[in-house]
Amino acid sequence: MTEFEKAIKTGRRLTRDGARATSTALSGGEMMKAAGDVINARLEIMAAGMADPRKIDLTELSLMSSEKVEALSASASAMAKTFGDIGGRLGSGVMTEAEHASKAATSIAAAATPAAAMQAQYSYAVGWWSRAAAQMLTLNSAMLKGQADAMRPIHRTAVDNAKRLKKPT
C-alpha cells in the first residue's frame, strides 16, 4: 500500500470516527431527554398511587428495576467485549513491537560503521512512530465503537419507555 493510499485509509477512518462520535453524542442527548420524560411519568404514577392506592400501576413500577438491570447488563457486556478486544490488540501490538525492537537491536549491533548503526536506529524510531500513531488511531476507533455499543441498550430502553409512557396530547 502506498503512502497516499494509507493517507486515504486514515482519512476514511477519521471521518468514520467523527461520525460515530457525533452520533453517540446525539444519542446521549436523546437518551437524557427520554430518561427525564420517563422519570417524570413514573413519578406521576407513584404520586397517583400514593393518593389512591387502587390506582397504582404495579406492573410499571416493577419494570423500573428489571429494565434498568437488563439495560445495564447489556451495556456492561458490550464494554467487557470492547475491553477484551482492546486487550487482545494491545497484547498483539506489544509482541509485534518486541519483534521490531529485537530486529533493530540486531541491525544496530551488526552495523559495520557508526553511521550504519545510527541509520538502523533512525529507521526503527521512524517505524515505531508510524506504528504507534496507527495503534492509537485503532484504539481510538475501538473506544468510540465501545462507547456507542455500551450506550445502545440504555438508550433503547429509555427511548422505548418514553414513547410507551407518553401521554396523548
C-alpha atoms as a PDB file:
ATOM      1  CA  MET A   1       0.000   0.000   0.000  1.00  0.00           C
ATOM      2  CA  THR A   2       1.394   3.392  -0.989  1.00  0.00           C
ATOM      3  CA  GLU A   3       1.670   6.308   1.426  1.00  0.00           C
ATOM      4  CA  PHE A   4      -1.122   8.043  -0.466  1.00  0.00           C
ATOM      5  CA  GLU A   5      -3.389   5.004  -0.084  1.00  0.00           C
ATOM      6  CA  LYS A   6      -2.536   4.855   3.633  1.00  0.00           C
ATOM      7  CA  ALA A   7      -3.441   8.545   3.990  1.00  0.00           C
ATOM      8  CA  ILE A   8      -6.782   7.955   2.268  1.00  0.00           C
ATOM      9  CA  LYS A   9      -7.478   4.958   4.503  1.00  0.00           C
ATOM     10  CA  THR A  10      -6.607   7.004   7.588  1.00  0.00           C
ATOM     11  CA  GLY A  11      -8.803   9.869   6.407  1.00  0.00           C
ATOM     12  CA  ARG A  12     -11.731   7.492   5.962  1.00  0.00           C
ATOM     13  CA  ARG A  13     -11.200   6.080   9.447  1.00  0.00           C
ATOM     14  CA  LEU A  14     -11.069   9.562  10.960  1.00  0.00           C
ATOM     15  CA  THR A  15     -14.264  10.501   9.116  1.00  0.00           C
ATOM     16  CA  ARG A  16     -15.959   7.334  10.382  1.00  0.00           C
ATOM     17  CA  ASP A  17     -14.759   8.008  13.931  1.00  0.00           C
ATOM     18  CA  GLY A  18     -16.026  11.589  13.772  1.00  0.00           C
ATOM     19  CA  ALA A  19     -19.417  10.440  12.525  1.00  0.00           C
ATOM     20  CA  ARG A  20     -19.592   7.780  15.267  1.00  0.00           C
ATOM     21  CA  ALA A  21     -18.675  10.307  17.968  1.00  0.00           C
ATOM     22  CA  THR A  22     -21.279  12.763  16.683  1.00  0.00           C
ATOM     23  CA  SER A  23     -23.963  10.083  16.511  1.00  0.00           C
ATOM     24  CA  THR A  24     -23.145   8.879  20.020  1.00  0.00           C
ATOM     25  CA  ALA A  25     -23.301  12.433  21.382  1.00  0.00           C
ATOM     26  CA  LEU A  26     -26.686  12.969  19.739  1.00  0.00           C
ATOM     27  CA  SER A  27     -27.934   9.635  21.096  1.00  0.00           C
ATOM     28  CA  GLY A  28     -26.731  10.675  24.536  1.00  0.00           C
ATOM     29  CA  GLY A  29     -28.791  13.855  24.400  1.00  0.00           C
ATOM     30  CA  GLU A  30     -31.824  11.946  23.169  1.00  0.00           C
ATOM     31  CA  MET A  31     -31.314   9.382  25.943  1.00  0.00           C
ATOM     32  CA  MET A  32     -31.115  12.077  28.622  1.00  0.00           C
ATOM     33  CA  LYS A  33     -34.312  13.719  27.344  1.00  0.00           C
ATOM     34  CA  ALA A  34     -36.095  10.361  27.277  1.00  0.00           C
ATOM     35  CA  ALA A  35     -34.843   9.494  30.775  1.00  0.00           C
ATOM     36  CA  GLY A  36     -36.241  12.771  32.107  1.00  0.00           C
ATOM     37  CA  ASP A  37     -39.590  12.060  30.465  1.00  0.00           C
ATOM     38  CA  VAL A  38     -39.653   8.524  31.933  1.00  0.00           C
ATOM     39  CA  ILE A  39     -38.754   9.759  35.416  1.00  0.00           C
ATOM     40  CA  ASN A  40     -41.478  12.399  35.229  1.00  0.00           C
ATOM     41  CA  ALA A  41     -44.097   9.883  34.050  1.00  0.00           C
ATOM     42  CA  ARG A  42     -43.156   7.352  36.699  1.00  0.00           C
ATOM     43  CA  LEU A  43     -43.214   9.969  39.453  1.00  0.00           C
ATOM     44  CA  GLU A  44     -46.739  10.831  38.376  1.00  0.00           C
ATOM     45  CA  ILE A  45     -47.666   7.132  38.547  1.00  0.00           C
ATOM     46  CA  MET A  46     -46.201   6.877  42.058  1.00  0.00           C
ATOM     47  CA  ALA A  47     -47.944  10.083  43.178  1.00  0.00           C
ATOM     48  CA  ALA A  48     -51.284   8.781  41.870  1.00  0.00           C
ATOM     49  CA  GLY A  49     -50.704   5.534  43.755  1.00  0.00           C
ATOM     50  CA  MET A  50     -49.934   7.357  46.973  1.00  0.00           C
ATOM     51  CA  ALA A  51     -53.076   9.498  46.605  1.00  0.00           C
ATOM     52  CA  ASP A  52     -55.225   6.456  45.856  1.00  0.00           C
ATOM     53  CA  PRO A  53     -53.550   3.030  46.298  1.00  0.00           C
ATOM     54  CA  ARG A  54     -56.159   1.477  43.997  1.00  0.00           C
ATOM     55  CA  LYS A  55     -54.704   3.487  41.077  1.00  0.00           C
ATOM     56  CA  ILE A  56     -51.085   2.397  41.455  1.00  0.00           C
ATOM     57  CA  ASP A  57     -49.620   0.706  38.389  1.00  0.00           C
ATOM     58  CA  LEU A  58     -47.653  -2.167  39.929  1.00  0.00           C
ATOM     59  CA  THR A  59     -46.608  -3.517  36.553  1.00  0.00           C
ATOM     60  CA  GLU A  60     -44.981  -0.218  35.609  1.00  0.00           C
ATOM     61  CA  LEU A  61     -43.315   0.120  38.998  1.00  0.00           C
ATOM     62  CA  SER A  62     -41.903  -3.400  38.765  1.00  0.00           C
ATOM     63  CA  LEU A  63     -40.389  -2.553  35.372  1.00  0.00           C
ATOM     64  CA  MET A  64     -38.373   0.284  36.904  1.00  0.00           C
ATOM     65  CA  SER A  65     -35.792  -2.105  38.313  1.00  0.00           C
ATOM     66  CA  SER A  66     -35.879  -5.024  35.890  1.00  0.00           C
ATOM     67  CA  GLU A  67     -35.467  -2.822  32.807  1.00  0.00           C
ATOM     68  CA  LYS A  68     -32.516  -0.988  34.335  1.00  0.00           C
ATOM     69  CA  VAL A  69     -30.796  -4.241  35.275  1.00  0.00           C
ATOM     70  CA  GLU A  70     -31.352  -5.639  31.784  1.00  0.00           C
ATOM     71  CA  ALA A  71     -30.101  -2.500  30.004  1.00  0.00           C
ATOM     72  CA  LEU A  72     -27.101  -2.062  32.307  1.00  0.00           C
ATOM     73  CA  SER A  73     -26.195  -5.743  31.970  1.00  0.00           C
ATOM     74  CA  ALA A  74     -26.238  -5.462  28.174  1.00  0.00           C
ATOM     75  CA  SER A  75     -24.172  -2.284  28.420  1.00  0.00           C
ATOM     76  CA  ALA A  76     -21.621  -3.925  30.735  1.00  0.00           C
ATOM     77  CA  SER A  77     -21.402  -6.906  28.390  1.00  0.00           C
ATOM     78  CA  ALA A  78     -20.696  -4.604  25.449  1.00  0.00           C
ATOM     79  CA  MET A  79     -17.950  -2.831  27.400  1.00  0.00           C
ATOM     80  CA  ALA A  80     -16.420  -6.135  28.513  1.00  0.00           C
ATOM     81  CA  LYS A  81     -16.257  -7.233  24.888  1.00  0.00           C
ATOM     82  CA  THR A  82     -14.698  -3.928  23.872  1.00  0.00           C
ATOM     83  CA  PHE A  83     -12.072  -4.101  26.607  1.00  0.00           C
ATOM     84  CA  GLY A  84     -11.347  -7.738  25.763  1.00  0.00           C
ATOM     85  CA  ASP A  85     -10.841  -6.826  22.103  1.00  0.00           C
ATOM     86  CA  ILE A  86      -8.630  -3.887  23.039  1.00  0.00           C
ATOM     87  CA  GLY A  87      -6.616  -6.024  25.435  1.00  0.00           C
ATOM     88  CA  GLY A  88      -6.032  -8.575  22.687  1.00  0.00           C
ATOM     89  CA  ARG A  89      -4.951  -5.834  20.291  1.00  0.00           C
ATOM     90  CA  LEU A  90      -2.577  -4.339  22.846  1.00  0.00           C
ATOM     91  CA  GLY A  91      -1.041  -7.722  23.646  1.00  0.00           C
ATOM     92  CA  SER A  92      -0.521  -8.438  19.965  1.00  0.00           C
ATOM     93  CA  GLY A  93       0.943  -4.962  19.473  1.00  0.00           C
ATOM     94  CA  VAL A  94       3.411  -5.477  22.309  1.00  0.00           C
ATOM     95  CA  MET A  95       4.607  -8.753  20.812  1.00  0.00           C
ATOM     96  CA  THR A  96       4.941  -7.225  17.348  1.00  0.00           C
ATOM     97  CA  GLU A  97       6.835  -4.236  18.715  1.00  0.00           C
ATOM     98  CA  ALA A  98       9.164  -6.511  20.695  1.00  0.00           C
ATOM     99  CA  GLU A  99       9.956  -8.294  17.425  1.00  0.00           C
ATOM    100  CA  HIS A 100      10.694  -4.969  15.684  1.00  0.00           C
ATOM    101  CA  ALA A 101      12.893  -3.862  18.603  1.00  0.00           C
ATOM    102  CA  SER A 102      14.788  -7.140  18.546  1.00  0.00           C
ATOM    103  CA  LYS A 103      15.433  -6.850  14.809  1.00  0.00           C
ATOM    104  CA  ALA A 104      16.521  -3.218  15.253  1.00  0.00           C
ATOM    105  CA  ALA A 105      18.898  -4.142  18.069  1.00  0.00           C
ATOM    106  CA  THR A 106      20.405  -6.857  15.883  1.00  0.00           C
ATOM    107  CA  SER A 107      20.787  -4.414  12.975  1.00  0.00           C
ATOM    108  CA  ILE A 108      22.401  -1.799  15.220  1.00  0.00           C
ATOM    109  CA  ALA A 109      24.783  -4.341  16.763  1.00  0.00           C
ATOM    110  CA  ALA A 110      25.711  -5.778  13.361  1.00  0.00           C
ATOM    111  CA  ALA A 111      26.267  -2.380  11.717  1.00  0.00           C
ATOM    112  CA  ALA A 112      29.675  -2.058  10.113  1.00  0.00           C
ATOM    113  CA  THR A 113      30.035   1.659  10.883  1.00  0.00           C
ATOM    114  CA  PRO A 114      28.685   4.135  13.436  1.00  0.00           C
ATOM    115  CA  ALA A 115      26.735   5.801  10.614  1.00  0.00           C
ATOM    116  CA  ALA A 116      25.107   2.468   9.697  1.00  0.00           C
ATOM    117  CA  ALA A 117      24.219   1.923  13.375  1.00  0.00           C
ATOM    118  CA  MET A 118      22.655   5.385  13.525  1.00  0.00           C
ATOM    119  CA  GLN A 119      20.740   4.677  10.307  1.00  0.00           C
ATOM    120  CA  ALA A 120      19.361   1.420  11.764  1.00  0.00           C
ATOM    121  CA  GLN A 121      18.372   3.216  14.967  1.00  0.00           C
ATOM    122  CA  TYR A 122      16.741   6.030  12.989  1.00  0.00           C
ATOM    123  CA  SER A 123      14.818   3.564  10.807  1.00  0.00           C
ATOM    124  CA  TYR A 124      13.496   1.820  13.905  1.00  0.00           C
ATOM    125  CA  ALA A 125      12.482   5.124  15.526  1.00  0.00           C
ATOM    126  CA  VAL A 126      10.625   6.345  12.421  1.00  0.00           C
ATOM    127  CA  GLY A 127       8.900   2.977  12.050  1.00  0.00           C
ATOM    128  CA  TRP A 128       7.979   2.988  15.734  1.00  0.00           C
ATOM    129  CA  TRP A 129       6.436   6.447  15.424  1.00  0.00           C
ATOM    130  CA  SER A 130       4.320   5.350  12.474  1.00  0.00           C
ATOM    131  CA  ARG A 131       3.218   2.129  14.218  1.00  0.00           C
ATOM    132  CA  ALA A 132       2.405   3.995  17.446  1.00  0.00           C
ATOM    133  CA  ALA A 133       0.270   6.534  15.582  1.00  0.00           C
ATOM    134  CA  ALA A 134      -1.599   3.751  13.758  1.00  0.00           C
ATOM    135  CA  GLN A 135      -2.155   1.878  17.033  1.00  0.00           C
ATOM    136  CA  MET A 136      -3.509   4.998  18.742  1.00  0.00           C
ATOM    137  CA  LEU A 137      -5.915   5.575  15.851  1.00  0.00           C
ATOM    138  CA  THR A 138      -7.049   1.943  16.080  1.00  0.00           C
ATOM    139  CA  LEU A 139      -7.528   2.183  19.859  1.00  0.00           C
ATOM    140  CA  ASN A 140      -9.429   5.447  19.494  1.00  0.00           C
ATOM    141  CA  SER A 141     -11.722   3.811  16.937  1.00  0.00           C
ATOM    142  CA  ALA A 142     -12.283   0.827  19.235  1.00  0.00           C
ATOM    143  CA  MET A 143     -13.097   3.074  22.205  1.00  0.00           C
ATOM    144  CA  LEU A 144     -15.583   5.122  20.170  1.00  0.00           C
ATOM    145  CA  LYS A 145     -17.255   1.934  18.954  1.00  0.00           C
ATOM    146  CA  GLY A 146     -17.268   0.551  22.502  1.00  0.00           C
ATOM    147  CA  GLN A 147     -18.878   3.710  23.822  1.00  0.00           C
ATOM    148  CA  ALA A 148     -21.615   3.532  21.186  1.00  0.00           C
ATOM    149  CA  ASP A 149     -22.162  -0.188  21.815  1.00  0.00           C
ATOM    150  CA  ALA A 150     -22.359   0.314  25.594  1.00  0.00           C
ATOM    151  CA  MET A 151     -24.814   3.182  25.327  1.00  0.00           C
ATOM    152  CA  ARG A 152     -27.106   1.487  22.803  1.00  0.00           C
ATOM    153  CA  PRO A 153     -29.115  -0.739  25.216  1.00  0.00           C
ATOM    154  CA  ILE A 154     -29.576   2.073  27.748  1.00  0.00           C
ATOM    155  CA  HIS A 155     -30.614   4.494  25.008  1.00  0.00           C
ATOM    156  CA  ARG A 156     -33.045   1.987  23.523  1.00  0.00           C
ATOM    157  CA  THR A 157     -34.672   1.279  26.905  1.00  0.00           C
ATOM    158  CA  ALA A 158     -35.025   4.957  27.810  1.00  0.00           C
ATOM    159  CA  VAL A 159     -36.423   5.965  24.416  1.00  0.00           C
ATOM    160  CA  ASP A 160     -38.823   2.993  24.268  1.00  0.00           C
ATOM    161  CA  ASN A 161     -40.085   3.755  27.777  1.00  0.00           C
ATOM    162  CA  ALA A 162     -40.547   7.439  26.979  1.00  0.00           C
ATOM    163  CA  LYS A 163     -42.638   6.537  23.925  1.00  0.00           C
ATOM    164  CA  ARG A 164     -44.692   3.997  25.879  1.00  0.00           C
ATOM    165  CA  LEU A 165     -45.325   6.328  28.819  1.00  0.00           C
ATOM    166  CA  LYS A 166     -46.035   9.438  26.750  1.00  0.00           C
ATOM    167  CA  LYS A 167     -49.434  10.897  27.455  1.00  0.00           C
ATOM    168  CA  PRO A 168     -51.593  11.607  24.456  1.00  0.00           C
ATOM    169  CA  THR A 169     -51.772  15.349  23.841  1.00  0.00           C
END
